[in-house]
N, C-alpha and C. Protein backbone atom coordinates (compact mmCIF):
# COMPACT_ATOMS: atom_id res chain seq x y z
N MET A 1 38.77 -40.10 -6.14
CA MET A 1 37.99 -40.13 -6.27
C MET A 1 36.96 -40.88 -4.92
N SER A 2 35.29 -39.84 -5.14
CA SER A 2 35.12 -40.46 -3.60
C SER A 2 34.13 -41.43 -3.59
N GLN A 3 33.55 -42.00 -2.96
CA GLN A 3 32.76 -43.23 -2.69
C GLN A 3 31.10 -43.10 -3.12
N TYR A 4 31.04 -41.77 -3.23
CA TYR A 4 29.07 -41.58 -4.15
C TYR A 4 29.91 -41.82 -5.18
N SER A 5 31.30 -41.04 -6.21
CA SER A 5 31.27 -41.19 -7.87
C SER A 5 30.93 -42.45 -8.05
N ARG A 6 30.95 -43.95 -7.16
CA ARG A 6 30.94 -44.74 -8.12
C ARG A 6 30.18 -45.29 -7.80
N TRP A 7 28.74 -45.23 -7.29
CA TRP A 7 28.05 -45.61 -6.92
C TRP A 7 26.72 -45.03 -8.75
N PRO A 8 26.32 -46.57 -8.54
CA PRO A 8 25.32 -46.32 -10.19
C PRO A 8 24.20 -44.87 -9.68
N GLY A 9 24.59 -44.97 -11.33
CA GLY A 9 23.13 -43.44 -11.24
C GLY A 9 21.63 -44.32 -11.49
N TYR A 10 21.37 -45.14 -10.98
CA TYR A 10 20.10 -45.55 -10.32
C TYR A 10 20.14 -44.93 -8.74
N VAL A 11 20.82 -45.36 -8.35
CA VAL A 11 21.51 -45.10 -6.84
C VAL A 11 21.27 -43.20 -6.53
N LYS A 12 22.10 -43.11 -7.22
CA LYS A 12 21.92 -41.37 -7.25
C LYS A 12 20.99 -40.32 -7.50
N ALA A 13 19.76 -41.78 -8.75
CA ALA A 13 18.83 -40.89 -9.15
C ALA A 13 17.43 -41.01 -7.82
N SER A 14 17.78 -42.24 -7.15
CA SER A 14 16.77 -42.99 -6.73
C SER A 14 16.71 -41.73 -5.08
N ILE A 15 18.20 -41.58 -5.17
CA ILE A 15 18.16 -40.71 -3.19
C ILE A 15 17.68 -39.73 -3.77
N ALA A 16 18.10 -38.43 -5.24
CA ALA A 16 17.90 -37.62 -5.32
C ALA A 16 16.13 -37.17 -5.11
N ALA A 17 15.40 -38.11 -5.88
CA ALA A 17 13.66 -38.68 -5.22
C ALA A 17 12.83 -38.33 -4.26
N VAL A 18 13.92 -39.36 -3.67
CA VAL A 18 13.68 -39.78 -1.89
C VAL A 18 13.92 -38.19 -1.12
N LEU A 19 14.90 -37.08 -1.57
CA LEU A 19 14.98 -36.54 -0.87
C LEU A 19 14.19 -34.88 -0.95
N MET A 20 13.90 -35.45 -2.67
CA MET A 20 12.61 -34.45 -2.88
C MET A 20 11.34 -34.05 -2.24
N LEU A 21 11.37 -35.35 -2.39
CA LEU A 21 10.05 -36.54 -1.69
C LEU A 21 9.66 -35.44 -0.19
N ALA A 22 11.14 -35.73 0.18
CA ALA A 22 11.26 -35.01 1.81
C ALA A 22 10.86 -33.32 1.65
N ALA A 23 11.45 -32.76 0.80
CA ALA A 23 10.54 -31.43 0.94
C ALA A 23 9.53 -31.31 0.77
N LEU A 24 9.25 -31.96 -0.12
CA LEU A 24 7.01 -31.39 -0.32
C LEU A 24 6.60 -32.22 0.92
N ALA A 25 6.92 -32.81 1.40
CA ALA A 25 5.95 -33.46 2.54
C ALA A 25 6.59 -32.09 3.40
N LEU A 26 7.52 -31.79 3.81
CA LEU A 26 7.64 -30.83 4.51
C LEU A 26 6.81 -29.41 4.66
N VAL A 27 6.74 -29.50 2.90
CA VAL A 27 6.22 -28.02 2.15
C VAL A 27 4.68 -27.75 2.84
N GLY A 28 4.20 -29.88 2.31
CA GLY A 28 2.73 -29.74 2.81
C GLY A 28 2.85 -29.03 4.13
N VAL A 29 3.17 -29.96 4.79
CA VAL A 29 3.05 -30.07 6.77
C VAL A 29 2.90 -28.41 6.89
N VAL A 30 3.74 -27.99 6.57
CA VAL A 30 3.70 -26.18 6.46
C VAL A 30 2.75 -25.82 6.40
N ASN A 31 2.27 -26.21 4.92
CA ASN A 31 0.86 -25.39 4.55
C ASN A 31 -0.41 -25.95 5.55
N LEU A 32 -0.47 -26.78 6.09
CA LEU A 32 -1.28 -27.65 6.62
C LEU A 32 -1.10 -26.76 8.37
N LEU A 33 -0.52 -26.50 7.98
CA LEU A 33 -0.11 -26.10 10.18
C LEU A 33 -0.42 -24.44 9.33
N GLU A 34 0.24 -23.18 9.05
CA GLU A 34 -0.48 -22.42 8.54
C GLU A 34 -2.59 -21.78 8.75
N ASP A 35 -2.89 -21.30 9.07
CA ASP A 35 -3.78 -20.67 9.06
C ASP A 35 -3.97 -19.28 7.96
N ASP A 36 -4.14 -19.17 6.67
CA ASP A 36 -4.26 -18.55 5.66
C ASP A 36 -5.56 -17.17 6.06
N GLU A 37 -6.65 -17.55 6.51
CA GLU A 37 -7.50 -17.34 7.16
C GLU A 37 -7.91 -16.48 8.50
N PRO A 38 -8.14 -14.78 8.91
CA PRO A 38 -7.96 -14.70 9.96
C PRO A 38 -8.15 -15.30 11.15
N GLU A 39 -8.13 -15.39 12.58
CA GLU A 39 -8.56 -15.76 13.30
C GLU A 39 -9.40 -14.35 14.12
N VAL A 40 -10.95 -14.41 13.92
CA VAL A 40 -11.71 -13.18 14.47
C VAL A 40 -12.65 -13.96 15.16
N ALA A 41 -12.55 -13.83 17.26
CA ALA A 41 -13.46 -13.65 17.83
C ALA A 41 -14.77 -13.80 17.76
N VAL A 42 -16.39 -14.10 17.58
CA VAL A 42 -17.58 -13.89 17.57
C VAL A 42 -17.61 -13.78 19.00
N PRO A 43 -18.06 -12.76 19.26
CA PRO A 43 -18.92 -12.49 20.88
C PRO A 43 -20.33 -13.89 20.47
N GLN A 44 -20.68 -13.80 21.76
CA GLN A 44 -22.35 -14.60 21.46
C GLN A 44 -23.55 -13.82 21.19
N SER A 45 -23.37 -12.57 21.92
CA SER A 45 -23.85 -11.65 20.88
C SER A 45 -24.81 -11.63 19.41
N GLN A 46 -22.98 -11.80 18.60
CA GLN A 46 -22.90 -11.88 17.66
C GLN A 46 -23.47 -12.80 16.78
N GLU A 47 -23.40 -13.83 17.89
CA GLU A 47 -23.67 -15.13 17.07
C GLU A 47 -25.70 -15.50 17.80
N GLN A 48 -26.03 -14.58 18.02
CA GLN A 48 -27.29 -14.17 18.54
C GLN A 48 -27.97 -13.06 17.50
N GLU A 49 -27.54 -12.37 16.96
CA GLU A 49 -27.56 -11.96 15.56
C GLU A 49 -28.17 -12.50 14.86
N VAL A 50 -27.46 -13.64 14.56
CA VAL A 50 -27.44 -14.32 12.84
C VAL A 50 -29.19 -15.25 13.28
N ALA A 51 -29.87 -15.20 14.39
CA ALA A 51 -31.29 -16.01 14.74
C ALA A 51 -32.02 -14.38 13.59
N LYS A 52 -31.33 -13.08 13.82
CA LYS A 52 -32.45 -12.37 13.56
C LYS A 52 -32.29 -11.31 11.60
N ARG A 53 -31.71 -12.66 11.01
CA ARG A 53 -31.42 -11.73 9.66
C ARG A 53 -33.17 -12.02 9.20
N PRO A 54 -33.14 -10.89 7.87
CA PRO A 54 -34.40 -11.14 7.50
C PRO A 54 -34.31 -12.84 6.75
N LYS A 55 -35.94 -13.35 6.54
CA LYS A 55 -36.24 -14.13 5.96
C LYS A 55 -35.55 -14.84 4.41
N CYS A 56 -35.42 -15.55 4.42
CA CYS A 56 -35.56 -16.23 2.70
C CYS A 56 -35.98 -16.07 1.90
N PRO A 57 -36.29 -16.18 0.76
CA PRO A 57 -36.73 -17.20 -0.04
C PRO A 57 -37.53 -18.10 0.06
N GLU A 58 -38.49 -19.07 0.13
CA GLU A 58 -38.80 -20.50 0.03
C GLU A 58 -38.59 -21.36 -1.33
N GLY A 59 -37.76 -22.60 -1.46
CA GLY A 59 -37.04 -23.33 -2.38
C GLY A 59 -35.10 -22.78 -2.72
N PRO A 60 -35.68 -23.72 -3.41
CA PRO A 60 -34.08 -22.96 -4.09
C PRO A 60 -33.36 -21.99 -4.51
N ILE A 61 -32.64 -21.55 -4.81
CA ILE A 61 -32.11 -20.91 -5.16
C ILE A 61 -31.13 -21.30 -6.43
N ALA A 62 -31.36 -21.08 -8.04
CA ALA A 62 -31.04 -21.88 -9.18
C ALA A 62 -30.73 -22.96 -8.83
N GLY A 63 -31.83 -23.53 -8.55
CA GLY A 63 -31.79 -24.94 -8.40
C GLY A 63 -31.45 -25.67 -7.28
N VAL A 64 -30.49 -24.48 -6.01
CA VAL A 64 -29.82 -24.61 -5.06
C VAL A 64 -30.49 -24.53 -4.15
N ASP A 65 -30.28 -25.64 -3.51
CA ASP A 65 -30.70 -25.69 -1.84
C ASP A 65 -29.91 -25.55 -0.56
N LEU A 66 -30.00 -23.93 -0.33
CA LEU A 66 -28.82 -23.87 0.78
C LEU A 66 -30.14 -23.30 2.24
N PRO A 67 -29.52 -23.14 3.39
CA PRO A 67 -30.18 -23.22 4.36
C PRO A 67 -30.31 -21.58 4.76
N CYS A 68 -31.23 -20.39 5.35
CA CYS A 68 -31.18 -19.38 5.25
C CYS A 68 -29.97 -18.90 6.63
N LEU A 69 -29.47 -18.08 6.36
CA LEU A 69 -28.53 -17.39 7.45
C LEU A 69 -29.33 -16.28 8.01
N GLY A 70 -29.25 -17.12 8.87
CA GLY A 70 -31.13 -16.51 9.84
C GLY A 70 -32.65 -16.78 10.11
N ALA A 71 -33.46 -16.42 9.71
CA ALA A 71 -34.77 -16.53 9.93
C ALA A 71 -34.91 -17.57 8.26
N ALA A 72 -35.61 -18.75 9.55
CA ALA A 72 -36.12 -18.99 8.38
C ALA A 72 -37.24 -19.16 7.27
N SER A 73 -36.96 -19.61 6.41
CA SER A 73 -37.51 -20.11 5.02
C SER A 73 -38.34 -19.78 4.91
N THR A 74 -39.79 -18.43 4.62
CA THR A 74 -40.94 -18.37 4.57
C THR A 74 -41.39 -17.29 3.33
N ALA A 75 -40.27 -16.41 3.07
CA ALA A 75 -41.22 -15.44 2.28
C ALA A 75 -40.98 -16.27 0.64
N ALA A 76 -41.97 -15.43 0.22
CA ALA A 76 -42.63 -15.74 -1.61
C ALA A 76 -41.45 -16.17 -2.13
N ALA A 77 -41.37 -16.78 -3.21
CA ALA A 77 -40.45 -16.22 -4.20
C ALA A 77 -40.99 -16.28 -5.40
N LYS A 78 -39.75 -15.82 -6.32
CA LYS A 78 -40.20 -14.99 -7.63
C LYS A 78 -39.10 -15.47 -8.43
N ASP A 79 -40.02 -15.31 -10.23
CA ASP A 79 -39.25 -15.50 -11.36
C ASP A 79 -38.09 -15.18 -11.37
N ILE A 80 -37.61 -14.22 -11.15
CA ILE A 80 -36.20 -13.26 -10.72
C ILE A 80 -35.81 -13.49 -9.84
N GLN A 81 -34.08 -13.95 -9.47
CA GLN A 81 -33.54 -13.98 -8.52
C GLN A 81 -32.40 -13.24 -9.13
N ILE A 82 -31.76 -12.19 -8.30
CA ILE A 82 -29.90 -11.29 -8.04
C ILE A 82 -29.97 -12.25 -7.20
N VAL A 83 -28.71 -13.07 -7.36
CA VAL A 83 -27.78 -13.23 -6.24
C VAL A 83 -26.88 -13.05 -6.11
N THR A 84 -26.59 -12.57 -4.58
CA THR A 84 -25.04 -11.65 -4.69
C THR A 84 -23.98 -12.86 -3.85
N VAL A 85 -23.06 -13.37 -4.45
CA VAL A 85 -21.98 -14.73 -3.38
C VAL A 85 -21.11 -13.51 -3.25
N TRP A 86 -20.96 -13.93 -1.55
CA TRP A 86 -20.10 -12.69 -0.96
C TRP A 86 -19.57 -13.74 0.62
N ALA A 87 -18.36 -13.00 0.94
CA ALA A 87 -18.29 -13.62 2.35
C ALA A 87 -18.12 -12.12 3.10
N TRP A 88 -17.93 -12.57 4.76
CA TRP A 88 -17.80 -11.31 5.31
C TRP A 88 -15.71 -10.79 5.10
N TRP A 89 -15.34 -11.75 4.80
CA TRP A 89 -13.78 -10.95 5.09
C TRP A 89 -13.47 -9.53 3.67
N CYS A 90 -14.69 -10.71 2.67
CA CYS A 90 -14.09 -9.48 1.16
C CYS A 90 -14.58 -8.65 1.10
N GLU A 91 -13.38 -7.04 0.40
CA GLU A 91 -13.23 -6.02 0.79
C GLU A 91 -14.09 -5.61 -0.42
N PRO A 92 -14.40 -6.20 -1.78
CA PRO A 92 -15.17 -5.95 -2.51
C PRO A 92 -16.54 -6.21 -2.50
N CYS A 93 -16.68 -7.25 -1.47
CA CYS A 93 -18.41 -7.41 -1.41
C CYS A 93 -18.64 -6.24 -0.19
N ARG A 94 -18.20 -6.23 0.72
CA ARG A 94 -18.34 -4.77 1.43
C ARG A 94 -18.39 -3.79 0.63
N THR A 95 -18.39 -3.29 0.10
CA THR A 95 -18.50 -2.48 -0.85
C THR A 95 -19.69 -2.90 -1.80
N GLU A 96 -19.85 -3.74 -2.59
CA GLU A 96 -21.02 -4.20 -3.07
C GLU A 96 -22.03 -4.65 -2.74
N LEU A 97 -22.08 -4.69 -1.96
CA LEU A 97 -23.40 -5.10 -0.78
C LEU A 97 -24.75 -3.87 -0.50
N PRO A 98 -24.13 -3.47 0.17
CA PRO A 98 -25.18 -1.75 0.04
C PRO A 98 -25.79 -1.83 -1.81
N PHE A 99 -25.38 -1.96 -3.00
CA PHE A 99 -25.99 -1.47 -3.93
C PHE A 99 -26.87 -2.93 -4.51
N PHE A 100 -27.09 -4.20 -3.64
CA PHE A 100 -27.97 -4.60 -4.08
C PHE A 100 -29.31 -4.67 -3.01
N GLN A 101 -28.90 -4.09 -1.67
CA GLN A 101 -29.89 -3.35 -1.08
C GLN A 101 -31.03 -2.44 -1.65
N ASP A 102 -29.91 -2.01 -2.69
CA ASP A 102 -30.17 -0.81 -3.27
C ASP A 102 -31.62 -1.11 -4.72
N ILE A 103 -30.35 -2.41 -5.07
CA ILE A 103 -31.50 -2.84 -6.07
C ILE A 103 -32.93 -3.65 -5.76
N ALA A 104 -32.98 -4.04 -4.40
CA ALA A 104 -34.35 -4.91 -3.90
C ALA A 104 -34.91 -4.40 -3.75
N ARG A 105 -34.48 -2.69 -3.18
CA ARG A 105 -35.63 -1.39 -2.62
C ARG A 105 -36.11 -1.06 -3.87
N SER A 106 -35.71 -1.11 -5.19
CA SER A 106 -35.78 -0.56 -6.55
C SER A 106 -36.91 -1.47 -7.32
N HIS A 107 -36.58 -3.26 -7.05
CA HIS A 107 -37.17 -4.04 -7.70
C HIS A 107 -38.23 -5.38 -7.37
N SER A 108 -39.24 -4.69 -6.17
CA SER A 108 -39.89 -5.25 -5.44
C SER A 108 -40.42 -6.53 -6.35
N THR A 109 -39.96 -6.91 -7.50
CA THR A 109 -40.72 -8.66 -8.18
C THR A 109 -39.35 -9.35 -8.44
N TRP A 110 -38.20 -8.57 -7.87
CA TRP A 110 -37.24 -9.74 -7.75
C TRP A 110 -36.40 -10.24 -6.89
N ASN A 111 -36.17 -11.41 -6.82
CA ASN A 111 -35.94 -12.10 -5.47
C ASN A 111 -34.35 -11.91 -5.23
N VAL A 112 -34.01 -10.24 -4.38
CA VAL A 112 -32.52 -9.61 -4.52
C VAL A 112 -31.77 -10.92 -3.41
N VAL A 113 -30.61 -11.85 -3.40
CA VAL A 113 -30.43 -11.81 -1.93
C VAL A 113 -28.80 -12.36 -2.16
N GLY A 114 -28.54 -12.78 -1.40
CA GLY A 114 -26.90 -12.97 -0.74
C GLY A 114 -27.05 -14.71 -0.70
N VAL A 115 -25.48 -15.01 -0.81
CA VAL A 115 -25.02 -16.42 -0.38
C VAL A 115 -24.33 -16.22 0.12
N HIS A 116 -24.27 -16.21 1.60
CA HIS A 116 -22.37 -16.28 1.72
C HIS A 116 -21.62 -17.45 2.21
N ALA A 117 -20.34 -17.24 1.23
CA ALA A 117 -19.89 -18.43 1.07
C ALA A 117 -18.52 -18.31 1.84
N ASP A 118 -19.25 -19.02 3.06
CA ASP A 118 -18.54 -18.49 4.08
C ASP A 118 -18.62 -20.02 5.51
N ALA A 119 -17.45 -20.83 6.54
CA ALA A 119 -18.10 -21.21 7.13
C ALA A 119 -18.43 -20.35 7.97
N ASN A 120 -18.67 -19.51 8.56
CA ASN A 120 -18.77 -18.47 9.82
C ASN A 120 -19.74 -17.80 9.88
N ALA A 121 -20.92 -18.41 9.37
CA ALA A 121 -22.45 -17.69 9.26
C ALA A 121 -22.41 -16.68 10.34
N ALA A 122 -21.50 -16.31 11.33
CA ALA A 122 -22.35 -15.22 12.45
C ALA A 122 -21.31 -14.18 12.36
N ASN A 123 -20.09 -14.13 11.71
CA ASN A 123 -18.87 -13.17 10.92
C ASN A 123 -19.93 -12.56 9.73
N GLY A 124 -20.61 -13.69 8.89
CA GLY A 124 -21.41 -12.59 7.56
C GLY A 124 -23.14 -11.98 8.30
N ALA A 125 -23.38 -12.39 9.57
CA ALA A 125 -24.43 -11.82 9.81
C ALA A 125 -23.87 -10.44 10.23
N ALA A 126 -22.47 -11.07 10.86
CA ALA A 126 -22.12 -9.26 11.78
C ALA A 126 -21.76 -8.11 10.58
N LEU A 127 -20.86 -8.80 9.41
CA LEU A 127 -20.79 -7.84 8.76
C LEU A 127 -22.25 -7.01 7.81
N LEU A 128 -23.17 -8.12 8.03
CA LEU A 128 -24.61 -7.06 7.43
C LEU A 128 -25.65 -6.07 8.45
N ASP A 129 -25.07 -6.56 9.45
CA ASP A 129 -25.36 -5.71 10.46
C ASP A 129 -24.84 -3.98 10.42
N ASP A 130 -23.25 -4.30 10.11
CA ASP A 130 -22.56 -3.09 10.12
C ASP A 130 -22.65 -2.57 8.97
N LEU A 131 -22.30 -3.11 8.14
CA LEU A 131 -22.95 -2.16 6.40
C LEU A 131 -24.54 -1.59 6.77
N GLY A 132 -25.27 -2.28 7.26
CA GLY A 132 -26.88 -2.16 7.65
C GLY A 132 -27.76 -2.72 6.43
N VAL A 133 -27.40 -3.88 6.21
CA VAL A 133 -27.59 -4.37 4.44
C VAL A 133 -28.46 -5.37 5.32
N ASP A 134 -30.35 -5.23 4.67
CA ASP A 134 -31.13 -5.97 5.43
C ASP A 134 -31.50 -7.27 4.23
N LEU A 135 -30.79 -7.57 3.85
CA LEU A 135 -30.25 -8.20 2.58
C LEU A 135 -30.58 -9.95 3.06
N PRO A 136 -32.00 -10.25 2.45
CA PRO A 136 -31.59 -12.09 2.91
C PRO A 136 -30.91 -12.96 2.27
N SER A 137 -29.62 -13.27 2.90
CA SER A 137 -28.77 -14.01 2.70
C SER A 137 -28.82 -15.85 3.25
N TYR A 138 -28.60 -16.24 2.28
CA TYR A 138 -28.12 -18.39 2.71
C TYR A 138 -26.90 -18.34 3.29
N GLN A 139 -26.72 -19.03 3.95
CA GLN A 139 -25.56 -19.69 4.16
C GLN A 139 -25.08 -21.25 3.25
N ASP A 140 -24.23 -20.80 3.11
CA ASP A 140 -23.22 -22.50 2.87
C ASP A 140 -21.71 -21.87 2.64
N GLU A 141 -21.91 -22.49 3.89
CA GLU A 141 -20.05 -23.29 5.03
C GLU A 141 -19.64 -23.88 3.50
N ASN A 142 -20.34 -25.09 2.92
CA ASN A 142 -19.17 -26.04 2.07
C ASN A 142 -18.80 -25.54 0.61
N GLY A 143 -19.35 -24.17 -0.06
CA GLY A 143 -19.17 -24.25 -1.01
C GLY A 143 -19.89 -24.91 -2.57
N THR A 144 -20.88 -25.05 -1.74
CA THR A 144 -22.26 -25.65 -2.41
C THR A 144 -22.97 -25.67 -3.60
N PHE A 145 -22.89 -23.37 -3.60
CA PHE A 145 -23.30 -22.76 -4.13
C PHE A 145 -22.85 -22.87 -5.60
N ALA A 146 -21.61 -22.29 -5.54
CA ALA A 146 -20.60 -21.88 -6.44
C ALA A 146 -20.33 -24.02 -7.18
N GLY A 147 -20.14 -24.77 -6.24
CA GLY A 147 -19.68 -26.34 -6.95
C GLY A 147 -21.05 -26.63 -8.40
N GLU A 148 -22.05 -26.06 -7.31
CA GLU A 148 -23.36 -26.68 -8.68
C GLU A 148 -23.39 -25.96 -9.26
N LEU A 149 -23.27 -25.01 -9.43
CA LEU A 149 -23.34 -24.04 -10.33
C LEU A 149 -21.82 -23.82 -11.82
N GLY A 150 -21.13 -23.94 -11.35
CA GLY A 150 -19.47 -24.56 -12.09
C GLY A 150 -19.58 -23.08 -11.98
N LEU A 151 -19.43 -22.18 -11.13
CA LEU A 151 -18.59 -21.07 -10.58
C LEU A 151 -16.82 -20.73 -10.41
N PRO A 152 -16.35 -19.83 -10.49
CA PRO A 152 -15.09 -19.57 -10.50
C PRO A 152 -14.94 -19.55 -8.60
N ASN A 153 -13.90 -20.17 -8.43
CA ASN A 153 -13.42 -19.56 -7.21
C ASN A 153 -13.13 -18.71 -6.34
N VAL A 154 -13.85 -17.70 -6.37
CA VAL A 154 -13.75 -16.17 -6.79
C VAL A 154 -14.74 -15.09 -6.37
N ILE A 155 -14.93 -14.71 -5.02
CA ILE A 155 -16.03 -13.62 -4.65
C ILE A 155 -15.52 -12.00 -5.12
N PRO A 156 -16.49 -11.38 -5.48
CA PRO A 156 -18.00 -11.56 -5.03
C PRO A 156 -18.25 -11.95 -6.74
N ILE A 157 -19.14 -12.26 -6.66
CA ILE A 157 -20.13 -13.29 -8.26
C ILE A 157 -21.34 -12.79 -8.45
N THR A 158 -21.87 -12.12 -9.54
CA THR A 158 -23.71 -11.84 -9.21
C THR A 158 -24.08 -12.80 -10.87
N VAL A 159 -24.94 -13.67 -10.36
CA VAL A 159 -25.79 -14.13 -10.84
C VAL A 159 -27.02 -13.99 -11.35
N VAL A 160 -27.47 -13.84 -12.22
CA VAL A 160 -29.38 -13.72 -13.13
C VAL A 160 -29.83 -14.60 -13.59
N VAL A 161 -31.06 -15.16 -12.31
CA VAL A 161 -31.68 -16.44 -12.19
C VAL A 161 -33.47 -15.83 -12.91
N ARG A 162 -33.70 -16.36 -13.93
CA ARG A 162 -35.31 -16.60 -14.35
C ARG A 162 -35.86 -17.66 -14.38
N ASP A 163 -37.14 -17.82 -13.78
CA ASP A 163 -37.45 -19.19 -13.70
C ASP A 163 -36.81 -20.37 -13.31
N GLY A 164 -35.80 -20.69 -12.35
CA GLY A 164 -35.17 -21.28 -11.28
C GLY A 164 -33.88 -21.51 -12.48
N LYS A 165 -33.56 -21.22 -13.92
CA LYS A 165 -32.55 -21.01 -14.79
C LYS A 165 -31.34 -19.79 -15.26
N VAL A 166 -29.93 -20.44 -14.38
CA VAL A 166 -28.59 -19.16 -15.42
C VAL A 166 -29.33 -18.62 -15.95
N GLU A 167 -28.84 -17.26 -16.39
CA GLU A 167 -29.11 -16.54 -17.43
C GLU A 167 -28.01 -16.03 -17.54
N LYS A 168 -27.34 -15.75 -16.76
CA LYS A 168 -25.98 -14.69 -16.85
C LYS A 168 -24.78 -14.69 -15.65
N LYS A 169 -23.95 -15.11 -15.29
CA LYS A 169 -22.26 -15.15 -14.45
C LYS A 169 -21.77 -13.19 -14.48
N PHE A 170 -21.89 -12.80 -13.40
CA PHE A 170 -20.69 -11.92 -13.15
C PHE A 170 -19.73 -11.66 -12.39
N VAL A 171 -18.95 -12.11 -13.16
CA VAL A 171 -17.53 -12.72 -12.15
C VAL A 171 -16.43 -10.73 -12.11
N LYS A 172 -17.37 -10.48 -11.25
CA LYS A 172 -16.39 -9.16 -11.11
C LYS A 172 -17.41 -7.82 -10.16
N PRO A 173 -16.72 -7.00 -9.62
CA PRO A 173 -17.45 -5.91 -9.01
C PRO A 173 -17.81 -5.34 -8.94
N PHE A 174 -18.80 -4.98 -8.81
CA PHE A 174 -19.64 -3.70 -9.65
C PHE A 174 -19.39 -2.44 -8.67
N THR A 175 -19.11 -1.76 -8.83
CA THR A 175 -18.57 -0.13 -8.02
C THR A 175 -20.03 1.22 -8.25
N SER A 176 -21.19 0.74 -8.76
CA SER A 176 -22.45 1.20 -8.20
C SER A 176 -23.86 0.72 -8.79
N ALA A 177 -24.63 1.32 -7.63
CA ALA A 177 -25.88 0.43 -7.95
C ALA A 177 -26.21 0.45 -8.81
N ASP A 178 -26.54 2.23 -10.00
CA ASP A 178 -26.61 1.51 -11.33
C ASP A 178 -25.70 0.80 -12.45
N GLU A 179 -24.72 0.32 -12.07
CA GLU A 179 -23.84 -0.92 -13.05
C GLU A 179 -24.67 -1.43 -12.38
N LEU A 180 -25.28 -2.48 -11.69
CA LEU A 180 -24.94 -3.27 -11.50
C LEU A 180 -26.87 -3.26 -11.53
N GLU A 181 -27.84 -1.93 -12.12
CA GLU A 181 -29.36 -2.91 -12.71
C GLU A 181 -29.07 -2.58 -14.10
N GLN A 182 -28.07 -2.05 -14.81
CA GLN A 182 -27.71 -1.67 -16.34
C GLN A 182 -27.47 -3.24 -16.30
N ALA A 183 -26.18 -3.94 -16.53
CA ALA A 183 -26.69 -5.02 -16.30
C ALA A 183 -27.31 -5.98 -16.60
N ILE A 184 -27.63 -5.77 -14.65
CA ILE A 184 -29.35 -7.02 -14.94
C ILE A 184 -30.19 -6.51 -15.62
N ASP A 185 -30.33 -5.44 -16.03
CA ASP A 185 -31.36 -4.63 -17.27
C ASP A 185 -30.91 -5.83 -18.30
N GLU A 186 -30.10 -5.34 -18.79
CA GLU A 186 -29.70 -6.08 -20.29
C GLU A 186 -29.57 -7.82 -20.37
N VAL A 187 -29.06 -8.07 -19.34
CA VAL A 187 -29.70 -9.74 -19.18
C VAL A 187 -31.07 -10.07 -19.45
N LEU A 188 -32.21 -9.51 -18.67
CA LEU A 188 -33.44 -9.65 -18.52
C LEU A 188 -34.16 -8.69 -19.90
N LYS A 189 -33.65 -8.28 -20.94
CA LYS A 189 -33.92 -7.75 -21.85
C LYS A 189 -34.87 -8.87 -22.26
């Protein structure tokens, strides 16, 4: 019989608990040291591109005040706001952003805007430039927009706002400008 088998049960349970906590702490430290987001070097020329983005509509978007990704907010606000929540690293967003550009061109009575949900504004501006998308976008580096509206932690998300009130949230990427326009038209009927 070993000396460990003579230990009371509570001592064995305490040792097991301490070992488990140590293992969890080790996993936590490893997770903190890992960087899940790819490191992307942003040239200074791209940082200057942020300032060349289009002006954003004045006032809050769905009741949330955010800084404009680029130019100062001076454009006139409209009653209907179509908002796409996107990020520079999101592949479905890359596909979907040109559809919002098309919708903005065909519906001049709507504010069609983006909310860049990432801290790296330069990469957001660079993606819009790469795609040739001239859509006004707000910069949301802290998740304020999603937090205030209770949006899930996914992107892309489309939010239809009428007179400052959220009418509908679409938590899925659209596959064409026609599909996006149909979905918005259904909400605004």
